[in-house]
Amino acid sequence: MANSAQARKRARQAAKHRVRNAAQRSEMRTYIKKTVKAIESGDKAAAESAYKLAVPMLDRMAGKGRIHRNQAARYKSRLNARIRAM
């Protein structure tokens, strides 16, 4: 349990940040899942449009430190490779 006023404030901030970070990571995963679903359905146009929406989201999450920049690059590379293989 936090004893000082500073520690109590940091605990409150950490709780807020944890909720926000989890929501943003969840939103990012939703964009990835939409892209994967479009790829698996075989609709290349839908897959490309979903990918174009997912890329900026991945870049934003990497820029904010929610995920590592290499992880964002890996997601983008693998999704793009699957779209090109269609």
C-alpha atoms as a PDB file:
ATOM      1  CA  MET A   1       0.000   0.000   0.000  1.00  0.00           C
ATOM      2  CA  ALA A   2       1.278   3.454  -0.921  1.00  0.00           C
ATOM      3  CA  ASN A   3       2.072   5.538   2.160  1.00  0.00           C
ATOM      4  CA  SER A   4       3.179   8.934   0.874  1.00  0.00           C
ATOM      5  CA  ALA A   5       0.944  11.340  -1.024  1.00  0.00           C
ATOM      6  CA  GLN A   6       3.237  11.041  -4.053  1.00  0.00           C
ATOM      7  CA  ALA A   7       3.049   7.244  -4.010  1.00  0.00           C
ATOM      8  CA  ARG A   8      -0.752   7.344  -3.700  1.00  0.00           C
ATOM      9  CA  LYS A   9      -0.979   9.696  -6.688  1.00  0.00           C
ATOM     10  CA  ARG A  10       1.369   7.508  -8.754  1.00  0.00           C
ATOM     11  CA  ALA A  11      -0.774   4.467  -7.899  1.00  0.00           C
ATOM     12  CA  ARG A  12      -3.890   6.326  -9.119  1.00  0.00           C
ATOM     13  CA  GLN A  13      -2.085   7.353 -12.308  1.00  0.00           C
ATOM     14  CA  ALA A  14      -0.822   3.823 -12.901  1.00  0.00           C
ATOM     15  CA  ALA A  15      -4.361   2.459 -12.620  1.00  0.00           C
ATOM     16  CA  LYS A  16      -5.655   4.995 -15.158  1.00  0.00           C
ATOM     17  CA  HIS A  17      -2.771   4.330 -17.531  1.00  0.00           C
ATOM     18  CA  ARG A  18      -3.208   0.558 -17.246  1.00  0.00           C
ATOM     19  CA  VAL A  19      -6.879   0.820 -18.265  1.00  0.00           C
ATOM     20  CA  ARG A  20      -6.105   3.160 -21.170  1.00  0.00           C
ATOM     21  CA  ASN A  21      -3.194   1.045 -22.390  1.00  0.00           C
ATOM     22  CA  ALA A  22      -5.267  -2.140 -22.250  1.00  0.00           C
ATOM     23  CA  ALA A  23      -8.071  -0.503 -24.233  1.00  0.00           C
ATOM     24  CA  GLN A  24      -5.673   0.729 -26.910  1.00  0.00           C
ATOM     25  CA  ARG A  25      -3.933  -2.644 -27.198  1.00  0.00           C
ATOM     26  CA  SER A  26      -7.349  -4.298 -27.506  1.00  0.00           C
ATOM     27  CA  GLU A  27      -8.338  -1.879 -30.273  1.00  0.00           C
ATOM     28  CA  MET A  28      -5.083  -2.635 -32.095  1.00  0.00           C
ATOM     29  CA  ARG A  29      -5.715  -6.379 -31.858  1.00  0.00           C
ATOM     30  CA  THR A  30      -9.225  -5.837 -33.254  1.00  0.00           C
ATOM     31  CA  TYR A  31      -7.761  -4.144 -36.349  1.00  0.00           C
ATOM     32  CA  ILE A  32      -5.348  -7.064 -36.788  1.00  0.00           C
ATOM     33  CA  LYS A  33      -8.162  -9.592 -36.416  1.00  0.00           C
ATOM     34  CA  LYS A  34     -10.274  -7.763 -39.000  1.00  0.00           C
ATOM     35  CA  THR A  35      -7.380  -7.939 -41.444  1.00  0.00           C
ATOM     36  CA  VAL A  36      -6.790 -11.642 -40.756  1.00  0.00           C
ATOM     37  CA  LYS A  37     -10.500 -12.385 -41.145  1.00  0.00           C
ATOM     38  CA  ALA A  38     -10.549 -10.601 -44.526  1.00  0.00           C
ATOM     39  CA  ILE A  39      -7.486 -12.576 -45.626  1.00  0.00           C
ATOM     40  CA  GLU A  40      -9.046 -15.873 -44.578  1.00  0.00           C
ATOM     41  CA  SER A  41     -12.281 -15.040 -46.385  1.00  0.00           C
ATOM     42  CA  GLY A  42     -10.267 -14.672 -49.605  1.00  0.00           C
ATOM     43  CA  ASP A  43     -11.396 -11.114 -50.339  1.00  0.00           C
ATOM     44  CA  LYS A  44      -8.197  -9.356 -51.376  1.00  0.00           C
ATOM     45  CA  ALA A  45      -9.773  -5.897 -51.686  1.00  0.00           C
ATOM     46  CA  ALA A  46     -11.255  -6.105 -48.192  1.00  0.00           C
ATOM     47  CA  ALA A  47      -7.962  -7.424 -46.833  1.00  0.00           C
ATOM     48  CA  GLU A  48      -6.031  -4.545 -48.378  1.00  0.00           C
ATOM     49  CA  SER A  49      -8.445  -1.938 -47.030  1.00  0.00           C
ATOM     50  CA  ALA A  50      -8.363  -3.519 -43.545  1.00  0.00           C
ATOM     51  CA  TYR A  51      -4.554  -3.605 -43.716  1.00  0.00           C
ATOM     52  CA  LYS A  52      -4.448   0.095 -44.626  1.00  0.00           C
ATOM     53  CA  LEU A  53      -6.456   0.843 -41.480  1.00  0.00           C
ATOM     54  CA  ALA A  54      -4.333  -1.448 -39.295  1.00  0.00           C
ATOM     55  CA  VAL A  55      -0.946  -0.008 -40.296  1.00  0.00           C
ATOM     56  CA  PRO A  56      -1.441   3.499 -38.809  1.00  0.00           C
ATOM     57  CA  MET A  57      -2.852   1.942 -35.641  1.00  0.00           C
ATOM     58  CA  LEU A  58       0.236  -0.263 -35.284  1.00  0.00           C
ATOM     59  CA  ASP A  59       2.499   2.722 -35.903  1.00  0.00           C
ATOM     60  CA  ARG A  60       0.642   4.780 -33.281  1.00  0.00           C
ATOM     61  CA  MET A  61       0.901   2.016 -30.696  1.00  0.00           C
ATOM     62  CA  ALA A  62       4.628   1.650 -31.367  1.00  0.00           C
ATOM     63  CA  GLY A  63       5.128   5.405 -31.216  1.00  0.00           C
ATOM     64  CA  LYS A  64       3.369   5.626 -27.860  1.00  0.00           C
ATOM     65  CA  GLY A  65       5.314   2.682 -26.472  1.00  0.00           C
ATOM     66  CA  ARG A  66       2.304   0.382 -26.090  1.00  0.00           C
ATOM     67  CA  ILE A  67       4.143  -2.221 -28.175  1.00  0.00           C
ATOM     68  CA  HIS A  68       7.747  -2.436 -29.324  1.00  0.00           C
ATOM     69  CA  ARG A  69       8.490  -0.940 -32.740  1.00  0.00           C
ATOM     70  CA  ASN A  70       9.880  -4.286 -33.921  1.00  0.00           C
ATOM     71  CA  GLN A  71       6.624  -5.980 -32.929  1.00  0.00           C
ATOM     72  CA  ALA A  72       4.679  -3.452 -35.015  1.00  0.00           C
ATOM     73  CA  ALA A  73       7.033  -4.059 -37.946  1.00  0.00           C
ATOM     74  CA  ARG A  74       6.605  -7.824 -37.541  1.00  0.00           C
ATOM     75  CA  TYR A  75       2.796  -7.574 -37.561  1.00  0.00           C
ATOM     76  CA  LYS A  76       2.841  -5.350 -40.653  1.00  0.00           C
ATOM     77  CA  SER A  77       5.314  -7.581 -42.482  1.00  0.00           C
ATOM     78  CA  ARG A  78       3.417 -10.795 -41.790  1.00  0.00           C
ATOM     79  CA  LEU A  79       0.020  -9.349 -42.678  1.00  0.00           C
ATOM     80  CA  ASN A  80       1.381  -7.827 -45.882  1.00  0.00           C
ATOM     81  CA  ALA A  81       3.044 -11.117 -46.847  1.00  0.00           C
ATOM     82  CA  ARG A  82      -0.251 -12.951 -46.380  1.00  0.00           C
ATOM     83  CA  ILE A  83      -2.085 -10.401 -48.516  1.00  0.00           C
ATOM     84  CA  ARG A  84       0.509 -10.616 -51.301  1.00  0.00           C
ATOM     85  CA  ALA A  85       0.281 -14.428 -51.226  1.00  0.00           C
ATOM     86  CA  MET A  86      -3.468 -14.302 -51.953  1.00  0.00           C
END
